[in-house]
PDB file of all heavy atoms in Angstrom:
ATOM      1  N   LEU A   1      14.947  33.433 -72.489  1.00  0.00           N
ATOM      2  CA  LEU A   1      13.897  34.382 -72.818  1.00  0.00           C
ATOM      3  C   LEU A   1      13.254  33.949 -74.123  1.00  0.00           C
ATOM      4  O   LEU A   1      13.908  33.389 -74.999  1.00  0.00           O
ATOM      5  CB  LEU A   1      14.477  35.797 -72.969  1.00  0.00           C
ATOM      6  CG  LEU A   1      15.106  36.383 -71.716  1.00  0.00           C
ATOM      7  CD1 LEU A   1      15.729  37.718 -72.037  1.00  0.00           C
ATOM      8  CD2 LEU A   1      14.087  36.536 -70.622  1.00  0.00           C
ATOM      9  N   LEU A   2      11.989  34.215 -74.231  1.00  0.00           N
ATOM     10  CA  LEU A   2      11.295  33.886 -75.470  1.00  0.00           C
ATOM     11  C   LEU A   2      11.774  34.800 -76.582  1.00  0.00           C
ATOM     12  O   LEU A   2      12.023  35.971 -76.375  1.00  0.00           O
ATOM     13  CB  LEU A   2       9.791  34.055 -75.284  1.00  0.00           C
ATOM     14  CG  LEU A   2       9.117  33.104 -74.303  1.00  0.00           C
ATOM     15  CD1 LEU A   2       7.646  33.496 -74.138  1.00  0.00           C
ATOM     16  CD2 LEU A   2       9.229  31.680 -74.776  1.00  0.00           C
ATOM     17  N   PRO A   3      11.880  34.248 -77.769  1.00  0.00           N
ATOM     18  CA  PRO A   3      12.236  35.104 -78.925  1.00  0.00           C
ATOM     19  C   PRO A   3      11.164  36.176 -79.144  1.00  0.00           C
ATOM     20  O   PRO A   3      10.007  36.005 -78.757  1.00  0.00           O
ATOM     21  CB  PRO A   3      12.268  34.129 -80.096  1.00  0.00           C
ATOM     22  CG  PRO A   3      12.370  32.763 -79.503  1.00  0.00           C
ATOM     23  CD  PRO A   3      11.758  32.854 -78.139  1.00  0.00           C
ATOM     24  N   ASP A   4      11.559  37.277 -79.739  1.00  0.00           N
ATOM     25  CA  ASP A   4      10.639  38.393 -79.962  1.00  0.00           C
ATOM     26  C   ASP A   4       9.396  37.963 -80.732  1.00  0.00           C
ATOM     27  O   ASP A   4       8.284  38.406 -80.434  1.00  0.00           O
ATOM     28  CB  ASP A   4      11.336  39.524 -80.709  1.00  0.00           C
ATOM     29  CG  ASP A   4      12.315  40.272 -79.812  1.00  0.00           C
ATOM     30  OD1 ASP A   4      12.153  40.197 -78.583  1.00  0.00           O
ATOM     31  OD2 ASP A   4      13.217  40.917 -80.358  1.00  0.00           O
ATOM     32  N   ALA A   5       9.549  37.110 -81.718  1.00  0.00           N
ATOM     33  CA  ALA A   5       8.413  36.672 -82.539  1.00  0.00           C
ATOM     34  C   ALA A   5       7.387  35.930 -81.687  1.00  0.00           C
ATOM     35  O   ALA A   5       6.184  36.115 -81.855  1.00  0.00           O
ATOM     36  CB  ALA A   5       8.892  35.788 -83.685  1.00  0.00           C
ATOM     37  N   VAL A   6       7.850  35.113 -80.762  1.00  0.00           N
ATOM     38  CA  VAL A   6       6.942  34.359 -79.895  1.00  0.00           C
ATOM     39  C   VAL A   6       6.203  35.298 -78.954  1.00  0.00           C
ATOM     40  O   VAL A   6       4.997  35.152 -78.743  1.00  0.00           O
ATOM     41  CB  VAL A   6       7.715  33.277 -79.099  1.00  0.00           C
ATOM     42  CG1 VAL A   6       6.802  32.585 -78.088  1.00  0.00           C
ATOM     43  CG2 VAL A   6       8.337  32.265 -80.040  1.00  0.00           C
ATOM     44  N   ARG A   7       6.916  36.277 -78.411  1.00  0.00           N
ATOM     45  CA  ARG A   7       6.262  37.251 -77.525  1.00  0.00           C
ATOM     46  C   ARG A   7       5.228  38.072 -78.271  1.00  0.00           C
ATOM     47  O   ARG A   7       4.140  38.318 -77.767  1.00  0.00           O
ATOM     48  CB  ARG A   7       7.291  38.157 -76.871  1.00  0.00           C
ATOM     49  CG  ARG A   7       8.058  37.461 -75.761  1.00  0.00           C
ATOM     50  CD  ARG A   7       8.921  38.415 -75.004  1.00  0.00           C
ATOM     51  NE  ARG A   7      10.094  38.683 -75.855  1.00  0.00           N
ATOM     52  CZ  ARG A   7      10.853  39.742 -75.729  1.00  0.00           C
ATOM     53  NH1 ARG A   7      10.578  40.631 -74.817  1.00  0.00           N
ATOM     54  NH2 ARG A   7      11.907  39.911 -76.490  1.00  0.00           N
ATOM     55  N   ARG A   8       5.557  38.512 -79.500  1.00  0.00           N
ATOM     56  CA  ARG A   8       4.598  39.285 -80.290  1.00  0.00           C
ATOM     57  C   ARG A   8       3.357  38.453 -80.613  1.00  0.00           C
ATOM     58  O   ARG A   8       2.235  38.954 -80.546  1.00  0.00           O
ATOM     59  CB  ARG A   8       5.247  39.763 -81.586  1.00  0.00           C
ATOM     60  CG  ARG A   8       6.045  41.023 -81.424  1.00  0.00           C
ATOM     61  CD  ARG A   8       6.419  41.622 -82.770  1.00  0.00           C
ATOM     62  NE  ARG A   8       7.247  40.728 -83.557  1.00  0.00           N
ATOM     63  CZ  ARG A   8       8.568  40.690 -83.536  1.00  0.00           C
ATOM     64  NH1 ARG A   8       9.232  41.504 -82.748  1.00  0.00           N
ATOM     65  NH2 ARG A   8       9.224  39.847 -84.303  1.00  0.00           N
ATOM     66  N   GLU A   9       3.546  37.182 -80.923  1.00  0.00           N
ATOM     67  CA  GLU A   9       2.410  36.318 -81.231  1.00  0.00           C
ATOM     68  C   GLU A   9       1.525  36.119 -80.007  1.00  0.00           C
ATOM     69  O   GLU A   9       0.293  36.155 -80.112  1.00  0.00           O
ATOM     70  CB  GLU A   9       2.926  34.964 -81.724  1.00  0.00           C
ATOM     71  CG  GLU A   9       1.820  34.027 -82.164  1.00  0.00           C
ATOM     72  CD  GLU A   9       2.367  32.697 -82.660  1.00  0.00           C
ATOM     73  OE1 GLU A   9       3.505  32.660 -83.155  1.00  0.00           O
ATOM     74  OE2 GLU A   9       1.632  31.707 -82.558  1.00  0.00           O
ATOM     75  N   ALA A  10       2.128  35.955 -78.848  1.00  0.00           N
ATOM     76  CA  ALA A  10       1.367  35.795 -77.621  1.00  0.00           C
ATOM     77  C   ALA A  10       0.582  37.060 -77.292  1.00  0.00           C
ATOM     78  O   ALA A  10      -0.598  37.002 -76.906  1.00  0.00           O
ATOM     79  CB  ALA A  10       2.294  35.438 -76.460  1.00  0.00           C
ATOM     80  N   LEU A  11       1.204  38.210 -77.461  1.00  0.00           N
ATOM     81  CA  LEU A  11       0.500  39.477 -77.203  1.00  0.00           C
ATOM     82  C   LEU A  11      -0.631  39.691 -78.208  1.00  0.00           C
ATOM     83  O   LEU A  11      -1.705  40.182 -77.847  1.00  0.00           O
ATOM     84  CB  LEU A  11       1.477  40.643 -77.254  1.00  0.00           C
ATOM     85  CG  LEU A  11       2.455  40.728 -76.078  1.00  0.00           C
ATOM     86  CD1 LEU A  11       3.478  41.828 -76.312  1.00  0.00           C
ATOM     87  CD2 LEU A  11       1.713  40.944 -74.775  1.00  0.00           C
ATOM     88  N   ALA A  12      -0.413  39.309 -79.456  1.00  0.00           N
ATOM     89  CA  ALA A  12      -1.461  39.428 -80.464  1.00  0.00           C
ATOM     90  C   ALA A  12      -2.644  38.538 -80.133  1.00  0.00           C
ATOM     91  O   ALA A  12      -3.802  38.935 -80.270  1.00  0.00           O
ATOM     92  CB  ALA A  12      -0.910  39.098 -81.853  1.00  0.00           C
ATOM     93  N   GLU A  13      -2.356  37.329 -79.677  1.00  0.00           N
ATOM     94  CA  GLU A  13      -3.420  36.393 -79.292  1.00  0.00           C
ATOM     95  C   GLU A  13      -4.211  36.920 -78.104  1.00  0.00           C
ATOM     96  O   GLU A  13      -5.446  36.868 -78.084  1.00  0.00           O
ATOM     97  CB  GLU A  13      -2.832  35.025 -78.987  1.00  0.00           C
ATOM     98  CG  GLU A  13      -3.856  33.976 -78.646  1.00  0.00           C
ATOM     99  CD  GLU A  13      -4.743  33.606 -79.813  1.00  0.00           C
ATOM    100  OE1 GLU A  13      -4.323  33.735 -80.972  1.00  0.00           O
ATOM    101  OE2 GLU A  13      -5.886  33.173 -79.558  1.00  0.00           O
ATOM    102  N   ALA A  14      -3.518  37.455 -77.118  1.00  0.00           N
ATOM    103  CA  ALA A  14      -4.196  38.022 -75.949  1.00  0.00           C
ATOM    104  C   ALA A  14      -5.059  39.222 -76.366  1.00  0.00           C
ATOM    105  O   ALA A  14      -6.187  39.391 -75.872  1.00  0.00           O
ATOM    106  CB  ALA A  14      -3.176  38.447 -74.895  1.00  0.00           C
ATOM    107  N   SER A  15      -4.558  40.027 -77.266  1.00  0.00           N
ATOM    108  CA  SER A  15      -5.313  41.180 -77.751  1.00  0.00           C
ATOM    109  C   SER A  15      -6.569  40.739 -78.490  1.00  0.00           C
ATOM    110  O   SER A  15      -7.644  41.316 -78.303  1.00  0.00           O
ATOM    111  CB  SER A  15      -4.428  42.020 -78.666  1.00  0.00           C
ATOM    112  OG  SER A  15      -5.137  43.138 -79.134  1.00  0.00           O
ATOM    113  N   ARG A  16      -6.442  39.713 -79.327  1.00  0.00           N
ATOM    114  CA  ARG A  16      -7.625  39.177 -80.029  1.00  0.00           C
ATOM    115  C   ARG A  16      -8.652  38.658 -79.043  1.00  0.00           C
ATOM    116  O   ARG A  16      -9.855  38.902 -79.187  1.00  0.00           O
ATOM    117  CB  ARG A  16      -7.222  38.069 -80.992  1.00  0.00           C
ATOM    118  CG  ARG A  16      -6.716  38.553 -82.318  1.00  0.00           C
ATOM    119  CD  ARG A  16      -6.604  37.410 -83.327  1.00  0.00           C
ATOM    120  NE  ARG A  16      -5.643  36.411 -82.914  1.00  0.00           N
ATOM    121  CZ  ARG A  16      -4.334  36.466 -83.165  1.00  0.00           C
ATOM    122  NH1 ARG A  16      -3.837  37.482 -83.812  1.00  0.00           N
ATOM    123  NH2 ARG A  16      -3.529  35.502 -82.766  1.00  0.00           N
ATOM    124  N   PHE A  17      -8.178  37.928 -78.022  1.00  0.00           N
ATOM    125  CA  PHE A  17      -9.089  37.396 -77.027  1.00  0.00           C
ATOM    126  C   PHE A  17      -9.841  38.501 -76.297  1.00  0.00           C
ATOM    127  O   PHE A  17     -11.056  38.443 -76.126  1.00  0.00           O
ATOM    128  CB  PHE A  17      -8.349  36.528 -76.002  1.00  0.00           C
ATOM    129  CG  PHE A  17      -9.201  36.108 -74.852  1.00  0.00           C
ATOM    130  CD1 PHE A  17     -10.090  35.070 -75.002  1.00  0.00           C
ATOM    131  CD2 PHE A  17      -9.135  36.778 -73.635  1.00  0.00           C
ATOM    132  CE1 PHE A  17     -10.920  34.684 -73.939  1.00  0.00           C
ATOM    133  CE2 PHE A  17      -9.954  36.409 -72.581  1.00  0.00           C
ATOM    134  CZ  PHE A  17     -10.841  35.354 -72.726  1.00  0.00           C
ATOM    135  N   ARG A  18      -9.102  39.536 -75.903  1.00  0.00           N
ATOM    136  CA  ARG A  18      -9.744  40.660 -75.201  1.00  0.00           C
ATOM    137  C   ARG A  18     -10.799  41.328 -76.073  1.00  0.00           C
ATOM    138  O   ARG A  18     -11.879  41.662 -75.608  1.00  0.00           O
ATOM    139  CB  ARG A  18      -8.703  41.677 -74.762  1.00  0.00           C
ATOM    140  CG  ARG A  18      -7.822  41.201 -73.626  1.00  0.00           C
ATOM    141  CD  ARG A  18      -6.672  42.156 -73.345  1.00  0.00           C
ATOM    142  NE  ARG A  18      -7.108  43.485 -72.991  1.00  0.00           N
ATOM    143  CZ  ARG A  18      -7.301  43.935 -71.756  1.00  0.00           C
ATOM    144  NH1 ARG A  18      -7.051  43.127 -70.755  1.00  0.00           N
ATOM    145  NH2 ARG A  18      -7.704  45.153 -71.539  1.00  0.00           N
ATOM    146  N   GLY A  19     -10.494  41.501 -77.346  1.00  0.00           N
ATOM    147  CA  GLY A  19     -11.444  42.114 -78.282  1.00  0.00           C
ATOM    148  C   GLY A  19     -12.693  41.281 -78.461  1.00  0.00           C
ATOM    149  O   GLY A  19     -13.818  41.790 -78.425  1.00  0.00           O
ATOM    150  N   GLU A  20     -12.507  39.970 -78.632  1.00  0.00           N
ATOM    151  CA  GLU A  20     -13.659  39.074 -78.808  1.00  0.00           C
ATOM    152  C   GLU A  20     -14.486  38.975 -77.530  1.00  0.00           C
ATOM    153  O   GLU A  20     -15.712  38.932 -77.571  1.00  0.00           O
ATOM    154  CB  GLU A  20     -13.179  37.703 -79.249  1.00  0.00           C
ATOM    155  CG  GLU A  20     -12.630  37.695 -80.664  1.00  0.00           C
ATOM    156  CD  GLU A  20     -12.053  36.359 -81.054  1.00  0.00           C
ATOM    157  OE1 GLU A  20     -12.292  35.360 -80.342  1.00  0.00           O
ATOM    158  OE2 GLU A  20     -11.361  36.316 -82.089  1.00  0.00           O
ATOM    159  N   PHE A  21     -13.807  38.936 -76.387  1.00  0.00           N
ATOM    160  CA  PHE A  21     -14.523  38.888 -75.116  1.00  0.00           C
ATOM    161  C   PHE A  21     -15.348  40.157 -74.917  1.00  0.00           C
ATOM    162  O   PHE A  21     -16.518  40.091 -74.518  1.00  0.00           O
ATOM    163  CB  PHE A  21     -13.541  38.717 -73.956  1.00  0.00           C
ATOM    164  CG  PHE A  21     -14.194  38.731 -72.597  1.00  0.00           C
ATOM    165  CD1 PHE A  21     -15.031  37.712 -72.207  1.00  0.00           C
ATOM    166  CD2 PHE A  21     -13.957  39.773 -71.716  1.00  0.00           C
ATOM    167  CE1 PHE A  21     -15.658  37.722 -70.961  1.00  0.00           C
ATOM    168  CE2 PHE A  21     -14.556  39.795 -70.476  1.00  0.00           C
ATOM    169  CZ  PHE A  21     -15.403  38.775 -70.095  1.00  0.00           C
ATOM    170  N   TYR A  22     -14.770  41.303 -75.215  1.00  0.00           N
ATOM    171  CA  TYR A  22     -15.469  42.577 -75.098  1.00  0.00           C
ATOM    172  C   TYR A  22     -16.712  42.586 -75.979  1.00  0.00           C
ATOM    173  O   TYR A  22     -17.766  43.055 -75.565  1.00  0.00           O
ATOM    174  CB  TYR A  22     -14.528  43.723 -75.461  1.00  0.00           C
ATOM    175  CG  TYR A  22     -15.131  45.093 -75.243  1.00  0.00           C
ATOM    176  CD1 TYR A  22     -15.180  45.645 -73.970  1.00  0.00           C
ATOM    177  CD2 TYR A  22     -15.634  45.831 -76.293  1.00  0.00           C
ATOM    178  CE1 TYR A  22     -15.736  46.897 -73.751  1.00  0.00           C
ATOM    179  CE2 TYR A  22     -16.183  47.089 -76.100  1.00  0.00           C
ATOM    180  CZ  TYR A  22     -16.221  47.607 -74.830  1.00  0.00           C
ATOM    181  OH  TYR A  22     -16.774  48.854 -74.630  1.00  0.00           O
ATOM    182  N   GLU A  23     -16.605  42.056 -77.180  1.00  0.00           N
ATOM    183  CA  GLU A  23     -17.741  42.023 -78.108  1.00  0.00           C
ATOM    184  C   GLU A  23     -18.846  41.080 -77.610  1.00  0.00           C
ATOM    185  O   GLU A  23     -20.008  41.260 -77.955  1.00  0.00           O
ATOM    186  CB  GLU A  23     -17.293  41.621 -79.500  1.00  0.00           C
ATOM    187  CG  GLU A  23     -16.426  42.647 -80.185  1.00  0.00           C
ATOM    188  CD  GLU A  23     -17.125  43.976 -80.340  1.00  0.00           C
ATOM    189  OE1 GLU A  23     -18.330  44.004 -80.688  1.00  0.00           O
ATOM    190  OE2 GLU A  23     -16.482  45.012 -80.116  1.00  0.00           O
ATOM    191  N   CYS A  24     -18.508  40.091 -76.801  1.00  0.00           N
ATOM    192  CA  CYS A  24     -19.503  39.141 -76.285  1.00  0.00           C
ATOM    193  C   CYS A  24     -20.379  39.769 -75.189  1.00  0.00           C
ATOM    194  O   CYS A  24     -21.494  39.301 -74.940  1.00  0.00           O
ATOM    195  CB  CYS A  24     -18.827  37.910 -75.718  1.00  0.00           C
ATOM    196  SG  CYS A  24     -18.122  36.831 -76.945  1.00  0.00           S
ATOM    197  N   LEU A  25     -19.861  40.768 -74.541  1.00  0.00           N
ATOM    198  CA  LEU A  25     -20.602  41.389 -73.454  1.00  0.00           C
ATOM    199  C   LEU A  25     -21.701  42.269 -74.027  1.00  0.00           C
ATOM    200  O   LEU A  25     -21.516  42.938 -75.031  1.00  0.00           O
ATOM    201  CB  LEU A  25     -19.660  42.218 -72.574  1.00  0.00           C
ATOM    202  CG  LEU A  25     -18.519  41.438 -71.938  1.00  0.00           C
ATOM    203  CD1 LEU A  25     -17.579  42.399 -71.217  1.00  0.00           C
ATOM    204  CD2 LEU A  25     -19.037  40.393 -70.986  1.00  0.00           C
TER     205      LEU A  25
END
């Protein structure tokens, strides 16, 4: 299993992407 820090970083990156994508629309 991925360490908690790696999972949190991945979720943070996905959240940033979703926010930036939403702003592009």
